Amino acid sequence: MITKCILGSQSPRRQELMTLMGIPFEVRVSDVEENFSENMDVRAVAEFLAIKKANSLIPTLQEHEILITADSTVICNNAIYNKPADEQDAARILKELSGKKTRSHYRGLDREIKISVSHLVKKRTLHFHHYLMIK
């Protein structure tokens, strides 16, 4: 029987979703570097990072705890757009994505219950409107 849900994410949105679903949880943050091989298929990165985060937190699990980790990637023209480093980087990314018809958005989710492991990868297509930079 699961007695505690551990969310391996600092994401305010993921925490909000857990709260909205009425699931009590504890946040445990992984200090793992979110890096990956440049040769990796971009569609596999979100799941790879979710599993990498989970693997770093598994040793902290107690009996009857479930660990949930996740990652999201935005892909355009076979390139991954990471979280912007600052406001200038965010403006650059929005400009590059501006007016593009479709975008692949992959989410990787990894759930660990001691020995049992399950993975889920979900693909979404996003549509970006033209970006107008106002200063």
N, C-alpha and C. Protein backbone atom coordinates (compact mmCIF):
# COMPACT_ATOMS: atom_id res chain seq x y z
N MET A 1 0.83 -1.18 0.00
CA MET A 1 0.00 0.00 0.00
C MET A 1 0.89 1.25 0.00
N ILE A 2 0.58 2.18 -0.88
CA ILE A 2 1.34 3.42 -0.97
C ILE A 2 0.86 4.37 0.12
N THR A 3 1.82 4.91 0.87
CA THR A 3 1.45 5.82 1.95
C THR A 3 1.87 7.26 1.68
N LYS A 4 2.82 7.45 0.75
CA LYS A 4 3.29 8.80 0.50
C LYS A 4 3.70 8.95 -0.97
N CYS A 5 3.32 10.07 -1.54
CA CYS A 5 3.68 10.39 -2.91
C CYS A 5 4.82 11.41 -2.87
N ILE A 6 5.91 11.12 -3.58
CA ILE A 6 7.07 12.01 -3.64
C ILE A 6 7.12 12.59 -5.05
N LEU A 7 7.08 13.91 -5.15
CA LEU A 7 7.19 14.59 -6.44
C LEU A 7 8.64 15.05 -6.59
N GLY A 8 9.32 14.48 -7.56
CA GLY A 8 10.72 14.83 -7.80
C GLY A 8 10.83 16.00 -8.76
N SER A 9 10.22 17.12 -8.39
CA SER A 9 10.19 18.28 -9.27
C SER A 9 9.97 19.56 -8.48
N GLN A 10 10.68 20.61 -8.89
CA GLN A 10 10.45 21.93 -8.29
C GLN A 10 9.43 22.72 -9.10
N SER A 11 8.92 22.15 -10.15
CA SER A 11 8.00 22.85 -11.05
C SER A 11 6.74 23.30 -10.32
N PRO A 12 6.49 24.61 -10.28
CA PRO A 12 5.25 25.09 -9.65
C PRO A 12 4.01 24.52 -10.34
N ARG A 13 4.07 24.33 -11.65
CA ARG A 13 2.91 23.81 -12.38
C ARG A 13 2.63 22.36 -11.99
N ARG A 14 3.66 21.54 -11.88
CA ARG A 14 3.46 20.14 -11.47
C ARG A 14 2.93 20.06 -10.05
N GLN A 15 3.44 20.93 -9.18
CA GLN A 15 2.95 20.97 -7.80
C GLN A 15 1.49 21.41 -7.76
N GLU A 16 1.15 22.38 -8.60
CA GLU A 16 -0.24 22.85 -8.67
C GLU A 16 -1.16 21.73 -9.15
N LEU A 17 -0.73 20.97 -10.15
CA LEU A 17 -1.54 19.86 -10.66
C LEU A 17 -1.78 18.80 -9.59
N MET A 18 -0.74 18.48 -8.84
CA MET A 18 -0.89 17.49 -7.76
C MET A 18 -1.90 18.00 -6.72
N THR A 19 -1.79 19.28 -6.38
CA THR A 19 -2.70 19.88 -5.40
C THR A 19 -4.13 19.88 -5.93
N LEU A 20 -4.30 20.28 -7.19
CA LEU A 20 -5.65 20.31 -7.79
C LEU A 20 -6.28 18.92 -7.83
N MET A 21 -5.46 17.88 -7.98
CA MET A 21 -5.98 16.51 -7.99
C MET A 21 -6.23 15.99 -6.58
N GLY A 22 -5.86 16.80 -5.58
CA GLY A 22 -6.10 16.39 -4.21
C GLY A 22 -5.14 15.32 -3.72
N ILE A 23 -3.97 15.24 -4.34
CA ILE A 23 -3.00 14.22 -3.95
C ILE A 23 -1.99 14.85 -2.99
N PRO A 24 -1.94 14.38 -1.76
CA PRO A 24 -0.92 14.90 -0.85
C PRO A 24 0.46 14.42 -1.33
N PHE A 25 1.45 15.31 -1.29
CA PHE A 25 2.77 14.94 -1.79
C PHE A 25 3.84 15.70 -1.04
N GLU A 26 5.04 15.18 -1.17
CA GLU A 26 6.23 15.83 -0.63
C GLU A 26 7.17 16.07 -1.80
N VAL A 27 7.82 17.22 -1.83
CA VAL A 27 8.77 17.52 -2.91
C VAL A 27 10.16 17.09 -2.47
N ARG A 28 10.82 16.31 -3.34
CA ARG A 28 12.24 15.97 -3.16
C ARG A 28 12.91 16.34 -4.47
N VAL A 29 13.94 17.13 -4.37
CA VAL A 29 14.58 17.65 -5.57
C VAL A 29 15.88 16.91 -5.85
N SER A 30 16.05 16.56 -7.10
CA SER A 30 17.27 15.91 -7.56
C SER A 30 18.28 16.98 -7.96
N ASP A 31 19.54 16.73 -7.66
CA ASP A 31 20.58 17.67 -8.07
C ASP A 31 21.29 17.20 -9.34
N VAL A 32 20.65 16.29 -10.05
CA VAL A 32 21.24 15.73 -11.27
C VAL A 32 21.27 16.78 -12.39
N GLU A 33 22.34 16.76 -13.16
CA GLU A 33 22.46 17.66 -14.32
C GLU A 33 21.49 17.20 -15.40
N GLU A 34 20.75 18.13 -15.95
CA GLU A 34 19.79 17.79 -17.00
C GLU A 34 20.47 17.86 -18.36
N ASN A 35 21.48 17.00 -18.55
CA ASN A 35 22.17 16.97 -19.83
C ASN A 35 21.92 15.64 -20.52
N PHE A 36 22.20 15.60 -21.80
CA PHE A 36 21.97 14.41 -22.60
C PHE A 36 22.90 14.46 -23.80
N SER A 37 23.09 13.32 -24.43
CA SER A 37 23.97 13.23 -25.59
C SER A 37 23.39 14.00 -26.77
N GLU A 38 24.25 14.71 -27.48
CA GLU A 38 23.81 15.44 -28.68
C GLU A 38 23.34 14.48 -29.77
N ASN A 39 23.74 13.21 -29.67
CA ASN A 39 23.34 12.20 -30.65
C ASN A 39 21.99 11.57 -30.34
N MET A 40 21.43 11.88 -29.17
CA MET A 40 20.16 11.28 -28.76
C MET A 40 19.02 11.79 -29.63
N ASP A 41 18.12 10.89 -29.97
CA ASP A 41 16.91 11.27 -30.69
C ASP A 41 16.15 12.28 -29.84
N VAL A 42 15.84 13.44 -30.39
CA VAL A 42 15.20 14.50 -29.60
C VAL A 42 13.88 14.04 -28.99
N ARG A 43 13.22 13.07 -29.62
CA ARG A 43 11.95 12.58 -29.08
C ARG A 43 12.14 11.73 -27.83
N ALA A 44 13.36 11.31 -27.55
CA ALA A 44 13.63 10.46 -26.39
C ALA A 44 14.14 11.25 -25.18
N VAL A 45 14.43 12.52 -25.36
CA VAL A 45 15.07 13.32 -24.30
C VAL A 45 14.20 13.48 -23.07
N ALA A 46 12.92 13.79 -23.22
CA ALA A 46 12.05 14.02 -22.05
C ALA A 46 11.99 12.78 -21.16
N GLU A 47 11.79 11.62 -21.77
CA GLU A 47 11.74 10.39 -20.98
C GLU A 47 13.11 10.11 -20.34
N PHE A 48 14.18 10.31 -21.10
CA PHE A 48 15.53 10.09 -20.58
C PHE A 48 15.78 10.94 -19.34
N LEU A 49 15.42 12.23 -19.40
CA LEU A 49 15.65 13.12 -18.27
C LEU A 49 14.77 12.77 -17.07
N ALA A 50 13.52 12.36 -17.33
CA ALA A 50 12.62 11.96 -16.23
C ALA A 50 13.19 10.74 -15.52
N ILE A 51 13.71 9.78 -16.28
CA ILE A 51 14.29 8.58 -15.68
C ILE A 51 15.58 8.93 -14.94
N LYS A 52 16.38 9.82 -15.52
CA LYS A 52 17.63 10.24 -14.87
C LYS A 52 17.35 10.88 -13.51
N LYS A 53 16.32 11.74 -13.46
CA LYS A 53 15.94 12.36 -12.19
C LYS A 53 15.47 11.29 -11.20
N ALA A 54 14.66 10.36 -11.69
CA ALA A 54 14.15 9.29 -10.81
C ALA A 54 15.28 8.45 -10.25
N ASN A 55 16.22 8.08 -11.10
CA ASN A 55 17.33 7.24 -10.65
C ASN A 55 18.15 7.91 -9.55
N SER A 56 18.23 9.24 -9.59
CA SER A 56 19.00 9.93 -8.55
C SER A 56 18.23 10.01 -7.22
N LEU A 57 16.91 9.87 -7.28
CA LEU A 57 16.09 9.98 -6.07
C LEU A 57 15.65 8.63 -5.50
N ILE A 58 15.75 7.57 -6.27
CA ILE A 58 15.32 6.25 -5.81
C ILE A 58 15.97 5.86 -4.47
N PRO A 59 17.25 6.15 -4.28
CA PRO A 59 17.86 5.78 -2.98
C PRO A 59 17.21 6.47 -1.77
N THR A 60 16.46 7.54 -1.99
CA THR A 60 15.82 8.25 -0.87
C THR A 60 14.46 7.66 -0.53
N LEU A 61 13.95 6.75 -1.37
CA LEU A 61 12.60 6.21 -1.15
C LEU A 61 12.55 5.28 0.05
N GLN A 62 11.49 5.44 0.80
CA GLN A 62 11.19 4.54 1.91
C GLN A 62 10.11 3.56 1.42
N GLU A 63 9.91 2.52 2.18
CA GLU A 63 8.88 1.55 1.81
C GLU A 63 7.52 2.24 1.71
N HIS A 64 6.75 1.88 0.73
CA HIS A 64 5.39 2.39 0.49
C HIS A 64 5.36 3.83 -0.02
N GLU A 65 6.47 4.32 -0.56
CA GLU A 65 6.47 5.64 -1.19
C GLU A 65 6.50 5.47 -2.71
N ILE A 66 5.81 6.35 -3.40
CA ILE A 66 5.85 6.37 -4.86
C ILE A 66 6.54 7.66 -5.28
N LEU A 67 7.43 7.55 -6.25
CA LEU A 67 8.18 8.69 -6.75
C LEU A 67 7.70 9.03 -8.15
N ILE A 68 7.40 10.30 -8.37
CA ILE A 68 6.99 10.77 -9.69
C ILE A 68 7.98 11.84 -10.14
N THR A 69 8.60 11.61 -11.30
CA THR A 69 9.47 12.62 -11.91
C THR A 69 8.96 12.87 -13.32
N ALA A 70 9.28 14.04 -13.84
CA ALA A 70 8.80 14.39 -15.17
C ALA A 70 9.75 15.37 -15.82
N ASP A 71 9.66 15.47 -17.13
CA ASP A 71 10.40 16.48 -17.88
C ASP A 71 9.61 16.79 -19.14
N SER A 72 9.80 17.98 -19.65
CA SER A 72 9.14 18.39 -20.89
C SER A 72 10.18 18.97 -21.82
N THR A 73 10.03 18.72 -23.10
CA THR A 73 10.91 19.33 -24.09
C THR A 73 10.06 19.92 -25.21
N VAL A 74 10.51 21.04 -25.72
CA VAL A 74 9.88 21.65 -26.89
C VAL A 74 10.86 21.46 -28.03
N ILE A 75 10.36 20.92 -29.15
CA ILE A 75 11.21 20.61 -30.29
C ILE A 75 10.68 21.31 -31.53
N CYS A 76 11.58 21.97 -32.24
CA CYS A 76 11.23 22.64 -33.49
C CYS A 76 12.36 22.38 -34.49
N ASN A 77 12.02 21.91 -35.65
CA ASN A 77 13.02 21.60 -36.68
C ASN A 77 14.12 20.71 -36.13
N ASN A 78 13.72 19.71 -35.36
CA ASN A 78 14.62 18.71 -34.78
C ASN A 78 15.64 19.30 -33.80
N ALA A 79 15.34 20.48 -33.25
CA ALA A 79 16.19 21.10 -32.23
C ALA A 79 15.39 21.25 -30.95
N ILE A 80 16.04 21.01 -29.82
CA ILE A 80 15.38 21.13 -28.53
C ILE A 80 15.55 22.55 -28.00
N TYR A 81 14.46 23.11 -27.52
CA TYR A 81 14.49 24.43 -26.89
C TYR A 81 14.38 24.22 -25.39
N ASN A 82 15.47 24.48 -24.70
CA ASN A 82 15.51 24.34 -23.24
C ASN A 82 14.89 25.55 -22.58
N LYS A 83 14.79 25.49 -21.25
CA LYS A 83 14.29 26.64 -20.50
C LYS A 83 15.22 27.82 -20.76
N PRO A 84 14.65 29.00 -20.97
CA PRO A 84 15.51 30.16 -21.23
C PRO A 84 16.38 30.49 -20.02
N ALA A 85 17.61 30.91 -20.31
CA ALA A 85 18.55 31.25 -19.26
C ALA A 85 18.23 32.59 -18.62
N ASP A 86 17.65 33.49 -19.41
CA ASP A 86 17.32 34.83 -18.92
C ASP A 86 16.28 35.44 -19.85
N GLU A 87 15.93 36.70 -19.59
CA GLU A 87 14.90 37.37 -20.38
C GLU A 87 15.31 37.51 -21.85
N GLN A 88 16.57 37.80 -22.09
CA GLN A 88 17.06 37.94 -23.46
C GLN A 88 16.97 36.60 -24.20
N ASP A 89 17.32 35.52 -23.53
CA ASP A 89 17.23 34.19 -24.14
C ASP A 89 15.77 33.83 -24.41
N ALA A 90 14.87 34.19 -23.49
CA ALA A 90 13.44 33.94 -23.69
C ALA A 90 12.93 34.67 -24.92
N ALA A 91 13.36 35.92 -25.10
CA ALA A 91 12.95 36.70 -26.28
C ALA A 91 13.47 36.05 -27.56
N ARG A 92 14.71 35.55 -27.53
CA ARG A 92 15.29 34.87 -28.69
C ARG A 92 14.48 33.63 -29.06
N ILE A 93 14.16 32.84 -28.05
CA ILE A 93 13.40 31.61 -28.29
C ILE A 93 12.02 31.92 -28.87
N LEU A 94 11.32 32.88 -28.26
CA LEU A 94 9.99 33.24 -28.76
C LEU A 94 10.07 33.75 -30.19
N LYS A 95 11.11 34.49 -30.51
CA LYS A 95 11.28 35.01 -31.87
C LYS A 95 11.49 33.85 -32.85
N GLU A 96 12.31 32.88 -32.46
CA GLU A 96 12.57 31.73 -33.33
C GLU A 96 11.32 30.88 -33.53
N LEU A 97 10.49 30.76 -32.51
CA LEU A 97 9.28 29.93 -32.60
C LEU A 97 8.10 30.71 -33.20
N SER A 98 8.21 32.01 -33.26
CA SER A 98 7.12 32.87 -33.71
C SER A 98 6.67 32.51 -35.13
N GLY A 99 5.37 32.34 -35.28
CA GLY A 99 4.78 32.10 -36.58
C GLY A 99 4.91 30.67 -37.08
N LYS A 100 5.55 29.81 -36.33
CA LYS A 100 5.69 28.42 -36.75
C LYS A 100 4.35 27.72 -36.59
N LYS A 101 4.04 26.85 -37.54
CA LYS A 101 2.74 26.19 -37.54
C LYS A 101 2.63 25.12 -36.45
N THR A 102 3.63 24.27 -36.34
CA THR A 102 3.52 23.19 -35.36
C THR A 102 4.82 23.02 -34.60
N ARG A 103 4.69 22.41 -33.48
CA ARG A 103 5.80 22.17 -32.59
C ARG A 103 5.56 20.82 -31.93
N SER A 104 6.58 20.06 -31.78
CA SER A 104 6.45 18.81 -31.02
C SER A 104 6.81 19.10 -29.58
N HIS A 105 5.97 18.68 -28.69
CA HIS A 105 6.17 18.92 -27.26
C HIS A 105 6.05 17.57 -26.58
N TYR A 106 7.15 17.07 -26.09
CA TYR A 106 7.15 15.75 -25.47
C TYR A 106 7.24 15.90 -23.96
N ARG A 107 6.48 15.07 -23.26
CA ARG A 107 6.55 15.02 -21.81
C ARG A 107 6.92 13.61 -21.41
N GLY A 108 7.92 13.51 -20.57
CA GLY A 108 8.30 12.21 -20.04
C GLY A 108 7.88 12.13 -18.60
N LEU A 109 7.31 11.04 -18.22
CA LEU A 109 6.87 10.83 -16.84
C LEU A 109 7.41 9.50 -16.38
N ASP A 110 7.99 9.48 -15.22
CA ASP A 110 8.53 8.24 -14.68
C ASP A 110 7.98 8.05 -13.29
N ARG A 111 7.43 6.85 -13.04
CA ARG A 111 6.88 6.54 -11.72
C ARG A 111 7.65 5.36 -11.16
N GLU A 112 8.10 5.49 -9.95
CA GLU A 112 8.88 4.43 -9.31
C GLU A 112 8.20 4.02 -8.00
N ILE A 113 7.93 2.75 -7.86
CA ILE A 113 7.42 2.22 -6.59
C ILE A 113 8.38 1.09 -6.20
N LYS A 114 9.36 1.46 -5.42
CA LYS A 114 10.44 0.53 -5.04
C LYS A 114 10.96 -0.22 -6.26
N ILE A 115 10.46 -1.38 -6.59
CA ILE A 115 11.02 -2.15 -7.69
C ILE A 115 10.21 -1.99 -8.98
N SER A 116 8.95 -1.68 -8.85
CA SER A 116 8.10 -1.53 -10.02
C SER A 116 8.37 -0.18 -10.70
N VAL A 117 8.54 -0.19 -12.01
CA VAL A 117 8.84 1.03 -12.76
C VAL A 117 7.88 1.13 -13.94
N SER A 118 7.39 2.33 -14.17
CA SER A 118 6.58 2.53 -15.38
C SER A 118 6.94 3.87 -15.98
N HIS A 119 6.86 3.95 -17.30
CA HIS A 119 7.22 5.16 -18.03
C HIS A 119 6.07 5.54 -18.95
N LEU A 120 5.92 6.82 -19.16
CA LEU A 120 4.90 7.33 -20.07
C LEU A 120 5.50 8.50 -20.83
N VAL A 121 5.34 8.48 -22.13
CA VAL A 121 5.77 9.62 -22.94
C VAL A 121 4.56 10.09 -23.72
N LYS A 122 4.29 11.36 -23.65
CA LYS A 122 3.13 11.94 -24.33
C LYS A 122 3.62 13.01 -25.28
N LYS A 123 3.12 12.98 -26.50
CA LYS A 123 3.47 13.98 -27.50
C LYS A 123 2.28 14.92 -27.71
N ARG A 124 2.58 16.21 -27.76
CA ARG A 124 1.56 17.21 -28.06
C ARG A 124 2.07 18.09 -29.17
N THR A 125 1.18 18.65 -29.93
CA THR A 125 1.55 19.62 -30.95
C THR A 125 1.05 20.98 -30.51
N LEU A 126 1.94 21.95 -30.50
CA LEU A 126 1.60 23.31 -30.10
C LEU A 126 1.63 24.21 -31.33
N HIS A 127 0.78 25.20 -31.34
CA HIS A 127 0.74 26.17 -32.42
C HIS A 127 1.14 27.53 -31.85
N PHE A 128 2.17 28.14 -32.42
CA PHE A 128 2.65 29.42 -31.95
C PHE A 128 2.14 30.53 -32.85
N HIS A 129 1.61 31.59 -32.25
CA HIS A 129 1.23 32.78 -32.99
C HIS A 129 2.48 33.62 -33.20
N HIS A 130 2.38 34.62 -34.04
CA HIS A 130 3.53 35.49 -34.26
C HIS A 130 3.87 36.23 -32.98
N TYR A 131 5.13 36.35 -32.72
CA TYR A 131 5.64 36.98 -31.52
C TYR A 131 5.98 38.43 -31.84
N LEU A 132 5.46 39.33 -31.06
CA LEU A 132 5.73 40.75 -31.23
C LEU A 132 6.49 41.22 -30.00
N MET A 133 7.72 41.68 -30.22
CA MET A 133 8.54 42.11 -29.09
C MET A 133 8.29 43.58 -28.83
N ILE A 134 7.83 43.88 -27.64
CA ILE A 134 7.54 45.26 -27.24
C ILE A 134 8.49 45.64 -26.11
N LYS A 135 9.16 46.73 -26.28
CA LYS A 135 10.09 47.18 -25.22
C LYS A 135 9.59 48.46 -24.61
